[in-house]
Amino acid sequence: MADRRLQVFHTVARLLSFTKAAEALHMTQPAVTFQIRQLEEYFNTRLFDRTHNRISLTEVGEEVYEYAKTIFEQYALMENTVKEMTGSINGVLMIGASTTIAEYLLPVLLGDFKIKYPEVHIRLKVSNTDEIVSMLENNVIDLGLVEAPVSNKNLVVELCRMDQLVAIVPPAHPLAEQDEVSVSELVAHPYISREEGSGTREVITEYFNQANLSSDDLNIVMELGSLEAIKGAVAAGMGISILSRAAIHKDLQLGLLKEVNLNPSLERPFSFVYQKQKFRLLAIEELLKFSRNYCSSYTTSTNTIS
């Protein structure tokens, strides 16, 4: 609803990058540059200083940015008020999720949410925990769902549920007949690891540290960024790994993998992460409320089964 030129300027000024702004706005970089040039012509002054590969706001640009923040804050408040009065929930939500959550938790949750709120359009970015946090810090996404602790105090971290991790091995592996496996036993076997920055890898590294071991003690034969690739490599006998129990349900049913409980056990949080700010889109508030109910019902059903 606001002037498109001002929207583009606000995004570029916030991210201090034409490339990142183009990605966040789903525009080409030349289109972003054109909108900024149009606004600068309107004000008859430069809003950005461009030096080499970096940009910064001019003094006038800083002033325009402060007004733009206020304008968009007021627009959001107005839209939320109108939607609350009319009962309308719509708009575009940008969500980021780490791999395990995106592949094994979100499909059902977002599917049910879409049925209830068909006018809300969700765009999902799948990445590792570090990159999800970075996208939140740069306001590229509205909400993040991660599988590792988050240390940024400017972000709100809200626990959804705890996730249990287990060792996975091929059915014919010597460990497959054991009920549980110790940390010292794991290091004796070829290991397939997640990539750097992965929440799973971070949690497992801390798990080994608590046992006075480091990731260097693991015989890492492969680092993969895909859960399916890791499961495939383990099933093919290339090594063992540690993954979320939620990620291997079908593989266990098909007899492709065997799970072995870790001793001591290992859990990590699945959490919602979002900015501390004065307002959020009503659709985000509804998604958070919907998600809290989903997490609560999941925890209850799990406890009932066990």
Protein backbone atom coordinates (compact mmCIF):
# COMPACT_ATOMS: atom_id res chain seq x y z
CA MET A 1 0.00 0.00 0.00
CA ALA A 2 2.91 2.34 0.73
CA ASP A 3 4.92 4.00 -2.05
CA ARG A 4 6.89 1.18 -3.74
CA ARG A 5 9.97 3.40 -4.01
CA LEU A 6 9.90 3.97 -0.27
CA GLN A 7 9.45 0.24 0.39
CA VAL A 8 12.51 -0.55 -1.70
CA PHE A 9 14.52 2.24 -0.05
CA HIS A 10 13.53 1.02 3.43
CA THR A 11 14.72 -2.51 2.63
CA VAL A 12 18.01 -1.40 1.08
CA ALA A 13 18.69 0.97 4.00
CA ARG A 14 17.94 -1.77 6.51
CA LEU A 15 20.16 -4.37 4.84
CA LEU A 16 22.71 -1.94 3.36
CA SER A 17 22.87 -4.18 0.33
CA PHE A 18 21.16 -3.95 -3.06
CA THR A 19 21.69 -7.69 -3.56
CA LYS A 20 20.12 -8.71 -0.24
CA ALA A 21 17.28 -6.24 -0.73
CA ALA A 22 16.53 -7.67 -4.18
CA GLU A 23 16.38 -11.17 -2.68
CA ALA A 24 14.14 -10.06 0.21
CA LEU A 25 11.77 -8.19 -2.15
CA HIS A 26 11.82 -10.89 -4.86
CA MET A 27 13.02 -8.33 -7.38
CA THR A 28 15.98 -8.14 -9.72
CA GLN A 29 18.89 -5.98 -8.62
CA PRO A 30 18.49 -3.57 -11.58
CA ALA A 31 14.83 -3.08 -10.59
CA VAL A 32 15.89 -2.22 -7.03
CA THR A 33 18.52 0.22 -8.32
CA PHE A 34 15.91 1.84 -10.58
CA GLN A 35 13.49 2.39 -7.68
CA ILE A 36 16.23 3.99 -5.57
CA ARG A 37 17.26 6.23 -8.46
CA GLN A 38 13.62 7.29 -8.88
CA LEU A 39 13.36 8.23 -5.20
CA GLU A 40 16.64 10.14 -5.30
CA GLU A 41 15.38 12.07 -8.33
CA TYR A 42 12.15 12.82 -6.47
CA PHE A 43 14.06 14.29 -3.52
CA ASN A 44 16.73 15.73 -5.83
CA THR A 45 19.52 14.38 -3.61
CA ARG A 46 21.58 11.27 -3.02
CA LEU A 47 20.29 8.90 -0.32
CA PHE A 48 23.22 6.47 -0.45
CA ASP A 49 26.97 6.82 -0.72
CA ARG A 50 28.39 4.13 -2.97
CA THR A 51 32.06 3.23 -2.49
CA HIS A 52 33.54 0.14 -4.11
CA ASN A 53 31.24 -2.76 -3.11
CA ARG A 54 29.76 -1.06 -0.05
CA ILE A 55 26.94 1.40 0.46
CA SER A 56 26.04 3.68 3.35
CA LEU A 57 23.28 6.18 4.03
CA THR A 58 23.94 9.85 3.47
CA GLU A 59 22.81 12.34 6.11
CA VAL A 60 19.59 12.90 4.18
CA GLY A 61 19.24 9.14 3.71
CA GLU A 62 19.46 8.59 7.47
CA GLU A 63 16.64 11.09 7.97
CA VAL A 64 14.47 9.50 5.28
CA TYR A 65 15.10 6.07 6.78
CA GLU A 66 13.88 7.19 10.23
CA TYR A 67 10.67 8.54 8.67
CA ALA A 68 10.29 5.39 6.56
CA LYS A 69 10.52 3.16 9.65
CA THR A 70 7.79 5.19 11.35
CA ILE A 71 5.61 5.14 8.22
CA PHE A 72 5.80 1.36 7.80
CA GLU A 73 5.28 0.78 11.51
CA GLN A 74 2.10 2.85 11.34
CA TYR A 75 0.98 1.05 8.17
CA ALA A 76 1.41 -2.31 9.88
CA LEU A 77 -0.51 -1.15 12.94
CA MET A 78 -3.30 0.18 10.70
CA GLU A 79 -3.51 -3.06 8.72
CA ASN A 80 -3.58 -5.16 11.88
CA THR A 81 -6.33 -3.00 13.37
CA VAL A 82 -8.47 -3.26 10.24
CA LYS A 83 -7.93 -7.03 10.01
CA GLU A 84 -8.85 -7.48 13.67
CA MET A 85 -12.05 -5.47 13.14
CA THR A 86 -13.01 -7.34 9.96
CA GLY A 87 -11.68 -10.77 10.95
CA SER A 88 -9.49 -10.86 7.85
CA ILE A 89 -6.21 -12.80 8.05
CA ASN A 90 -4.13 -12.55 4.88
CA GLY A 91 -0.79 -11.46 3.51
CA VAL A 92 2.61 -12.98 2.77
CA LEU A 93 4.67 -14.59 5.53
CA MET A 94 8.39 -15.20 5.13
CA ILE A 95 9.46 -18.20 7.22
CA GLY A 96 12.87 -19.76 7.63
CA ALA A 97 13.36 -23.27 8.96
CA SER A 98 16.33 -25.52 9.55
CA THR A 99 16.37 -28.72 7.55
CA THR A 100 14.96 -31.26 10.02
CA ILE A 101 12.04 -29.02 10.96
CA ALA A 102 11.30 -28.04 7.35
CA GLU A 103 11.22 -31.64 6.13
CA TYR A 104 9.57 -33.47 9.04
CA LEU A 105 7.64 -30.98 11.21
CA LEU A 106 6.42 -28.13 9.04
CA PRO A 107 4.51 -29.91 6.25
CA VAL A 108 1.65 -30.98 8.52
CA LEU A 109 1.66 -27.75 10.56
CA LEU A 110 1.64 -25.42 7.54
CA GLY A 111 -0.83 -27.62 5.69
CA ASP A 112 -3.33 -27.36 8.55
CA PHE A 113 -2.66 -23.61 8.90
CA LYS A 114 -3.28 -23.07 5.18
CA ILE A 115 -6.63 -24.85 5.41
CA LYS A 116 -7.70 -22.50 8.21
CA TYR A 117 -6.21 -19.36 6.63
CA PRO A 118 -6.29 -19.84 2.83
CA GLU A 119 -5.58 -16.14 2.17
CA VAL A 120 -2.18 -16.31 3.87
CA HIS A 121 0.66 -17.05 1.46
CA ILE A 122 3.72 -18.65 3.04
CA ARG A 123 7.20 -18.51 1.55
CA LEU A 124 9.65 -20.90 3.16
CA LYS A 125 13.44 -20.65 3.12
CA VAL A 126 15.25 -23.81 4.22
CA SER A 127 18.74 -23.40 5.64
CA ASN A 128 20.85 -24.27 8.66
CA THR A 129 20.36 -22.64 12.06
CA ASP A 130 23.15 -20.05 11.67
CA GLU A 131 21.74 -18.79 8.40
CA ILE A 132 18.16 -18.70 9.74
CA VAL A 133 19.34 -16.51 12.64
CA SER A 134 21.20 -14.26 10.19
CA MET A 135 18.06 -13.86 8.07
CA LEU A 136 16.08 -12.87 11.17
CA GLU A 137 18.74 -10.35 12.19
CA ASN A 138 18.54 -8.79 8.71
CA ASN A 139 14.71 -8.91 8.65
CA VAL A 140 14.70 -11.11 5.55
CA ILE A 141 12.21 -13.46 7.25
CA ASP A 142 9.40 -12.89 9.76
CA LEU A 143 9.76 -16.10 11.75
CA GLY A 144 12.44 -18.75 12.16
CA LEU A 145 12.16 -22.34 13.35
CA VAL A 146 15.48 -23.77 14.48
CA GLU A 147 16.91 -26.89 16.08
CA ALA A 148 19.78 -25.49 18.15
CA PRO A 149 20.16 -22.94 20.96
CA VAL A 150 20.21 -19.27 19.86
CA SER A 151 22.43 -16.82 21.72
CA ASN A 152 21.29 -13.51 20.16
CA LYS A 153 19.55 -11.60 22.99
CA ASN A 154 17.73 -9.36 20.51
CA LEU A 155 15.69 -12.34 19.35
CA VAL A 156 12.82 -14.03 21.18
CA VAL A 157 13.34 -17.79 21.44
CA GLU A 158 10.22 -19.81 22.24
CA LEU A 159 10.47 -23.55 22.81
CA CYS A 160 8.13 -25.73 20.74
CA ARG A 161 9.22 -29.16 21.95
CA MET A 162 12.28 -31.27 22.67
CA ASP A 163 13.59 -33.54 19.94
CA GLN A 164 15.40 -36.80 20.64
CA LEU A 165 18.48 -37.73 18.62
CA VAL A 166 19.60 -41.32 18.09
CA ALA A 167 22.43 -43.16 16.36
CA ILE A 168 21.52 -44.63 12.98
CA VAL A 169 23.30 -47.65 11.47
CA PRO A 170 22.75 -50.08 8.59
CA PRO A 171 20.66 -53.15 9.56
CA ALA A 172 23.69 -55.46 9.27
CA HIS A 173 25.99 -53.21 11.33
CA PRO A 174 27.50 -54.66 14.57
CA LEU A 175 25.82 -51.87 16.60
CA ALA A 176 22.38 -52.70 15.17
CA GLU A 177 21.80 -55.45 17.74
CA GLN A 178 22.53 -53.17 20.71
CA ASP A 179 19.84 -51.33 22.67
CA GLU A 180 22.16 -48.36 23.24
CA VAL A 181 25.59 -47.09 22.31
CA SER A 182 28.06 -44.98 24.29
CA VAL A 183 30.05 -42.03 23.03
CA SER A 184 33.29 -43.99 23.25
CA GLU A 185 31.81 -46.73 21.05
CA LEU A 186 30.71 -44.23 18.40
CA VAL A 187 34.19 -42.89 17.79
CA ALA A 188 35.39 -46.36 16.77
CA HIS A 189 33.26 -46.31 13.59
CA PRO A 190 33.30 -44.22 10.38
CA TYR A 191 30.98 -41.27 10.93
CA ILE A 192 28.88 -39.20 8.51
CA SER A 193 28.40 -35.63 9.73
CA ARG A 194 26.18 -32.66 8.94
CA GLU A 195 27.82 -29.55 7.48
CA GLU A 196 29.32 -26.62 9.42
CA GLY A 197 26.60 -24.27 10.72
CA SER A 198 24.06 -27.06 11.09
CA GLY A 199 22.08 -27.02 14.34
CA THR A 200 22.33 -30.82 14.51
CA ARG A 201 26.11 -30.68 14.18
CA GLU A 202 26.37 -27.97 16.85
CA VAL A 203 24.32 -30.00 19.33
CA ILE A 204 26.31 -33.19 18.64
CA THR A 205 29.62 -31.35 19.04
CA GLU A 206 28.51 -30.10 22.46
CA TYR A 207 27.37 -33.64 23.33
CA PHE A 208 30.88 -34.95 22.62
CA ASN A 209 32.47 -32.07 24.50
CA GLN A 210 30.51 -33.02 27.61
CA ALA A 211 32.06 -36.49 27.34
CA ASN A 212 35.54 -34.89 27.18
CA LEU A 213 35.77 -35.67 23.47
CA SER A 214 35.76 -33.38 20.47
CA SER A 215 34.56 -33.69 16.90
CA ASP A 216 38.21 -34.35 16.02
CA ASP A 217 37.91 -37.67 17.84
CA LEU A 218 35.22 -38.76 15.38
CA ASN A 219 36.31 -40.66 12.30
CA ILE A 220 34.41 -38.33 9.93
CA VAL A 221 34.43 -39.84 6.46
CA MET A 222 31.86 -37.51 4.91
CA GLU A 223 30.10 -34.17 5.57
CA LEU A 224 26.67 -33.78 3.96
CA GLY A 225 24.11 -30.96 4.02
CA SER A 226 21.08 -33.14 3.31
CA LEU A 227 19.33 -35.46 5.75
CA GLU A 228 18.24 -37.73 2.92
CA ALA A 229 21.83 -37.93 1.67
CA ILE A 230 23.06 -38.86 5.16
CA LYS A 231 20.41 -41.57 5.53
CA GLY A 232 21.24 -42.92 2.08
CA ALA A 233 24.96 -43.02 2.86
CA VAL A 234 24.35 -44.82 6.16
CA ALA A 235 21.98 -47.32 4.52
CA ALA A 236 24.69 -47.99 1.92
CA GLY A 237 27.14 -48.92 4.69
CA MET A 238 29.42 -45.90 4.32
CA GLY A 239 29.29 -45.02 8.00
CA ILE A 240 27.04 -44.30 10.97
CA SER A 241 25.48 -41.01 12.04
CA ILE A 242 23.30 -39.25 14.61
CA LEU A 243 19.96 -37.82 13.50
CA SER A 244 16.60 -36.76 14.86
CA ARG A 245 14.24 -39.65 15.57
CA ALA A 246 11.58 -37.62 13.72
CA ALA A 247 13.63 -37.85 10.52
CA ILE A 248 13.96 -41.63 10.32
CA HIS A 249 10.44 -42.95 10.97
CA LYS A 250 9.80 -44.15 7.40
CA ASP A 251 13.33 -45.54 7.01
CA LEU A 252 12.85 -47.69 10.11
CA GLN A 253 9.50 -48.98 8.82
CA LEU A 254 11.09 -49.90 5.48
CA GLY A 255 13.96 -51.66 7.22
CA LEU A 256 16.59 -49.41 5.60
CA LEU A 257 18.07 -48.26 8.91
CA LYS A 258 18.27 -49.28 12.54
CA GLU A 259 18.21 -46.81 15.41
CA VAL A 260 20.30 -47.23 18.54
CA ASN A 261 19.64 -45.15 21.64
CA LEU A 262 22.48 -42.94 22.81
CA ASN A 263 23.89 -43.32 26.31
CA PRO A 264 23.70 -40.75 27.74
CA SER A 265 20.57 -39.69 25.85
CA LEU A 266 20.65 -36.59 23.66
CA GLU A 267 17.87 -34.05 23.17
CA ARG A 268 17.79 -30.62 21.55
CA PRO A 269 15.10 -27.91 21.36
CA PHE A 270 12.88 -27.18 18.39
CA SER A 271 12.18 -23.46 18.83
CA PHE A 272 10.43 -20.50 17.24
CA VAL A 273 12.64 -17.44 16.90
CA TYR A 274 11.51 -13.91 16.04
CA GLN A 275 12.47 -10.27 16.46
CA LYS A 276 11.71 -8.28 19.59
CA GLN A 277 9.62 -5.55 18.04
CA LYS A 278 6.61 -3.43 18.85
CA PHE A 279 4.36 -4.92 16.22
CA ARG A 280 4.03 -8.01 14.06
CA LEU A 281 1.70 -8.81 11.22
CA LEU A 282 -1.55 -10.30 12.44
CA ALA A 283 -0.89 -13.34 10.24
CA ILE A 284 2.38 -13.97 12.13
CA GLU A 285 0.56 -13.70 15.46
CA GLU A 286 -1.99 -16.24 14.23
CA LEU A 287 0.73 -18.58 12.98
CA LEU A 288 2.52 -18.39 16.33
CA LYS A 289 -0.75 -19.11 18.17
CA PHE A 290 -1.53 -21.98 15.79
CA SER A 291 1.99 -23.37 16.17
CA ARG A 292 1.89 -23.22 19.98
CA ASN A 293 -1.28 -25.31 19.94
CA TYR A 294 0.34 -27.74 17.49
CA CYS A 295 3.43 -28.13 19.70
CA SER A 296 1.29 -28.56 22.79
CA SER A 297 -0.87 -31.26 21.19
CA TYR A 298 2.23 -33.04 19.82
CA THR A 299 3.81 -33.12 23.28
CA THR A 300 0.59 -34.39 24.84
CA SER A 301 0.13 -37.17 22.27
CA THR A 302 3.79 -38.22 22.64
CA ASN A 303 3.46 -38.44 26.40
CA THR A 304 0.26 -40.47 26.05
CA ILE A 305 1.91 -42.95 23.69
CA SER A 306 4.95 -43.39 25.90
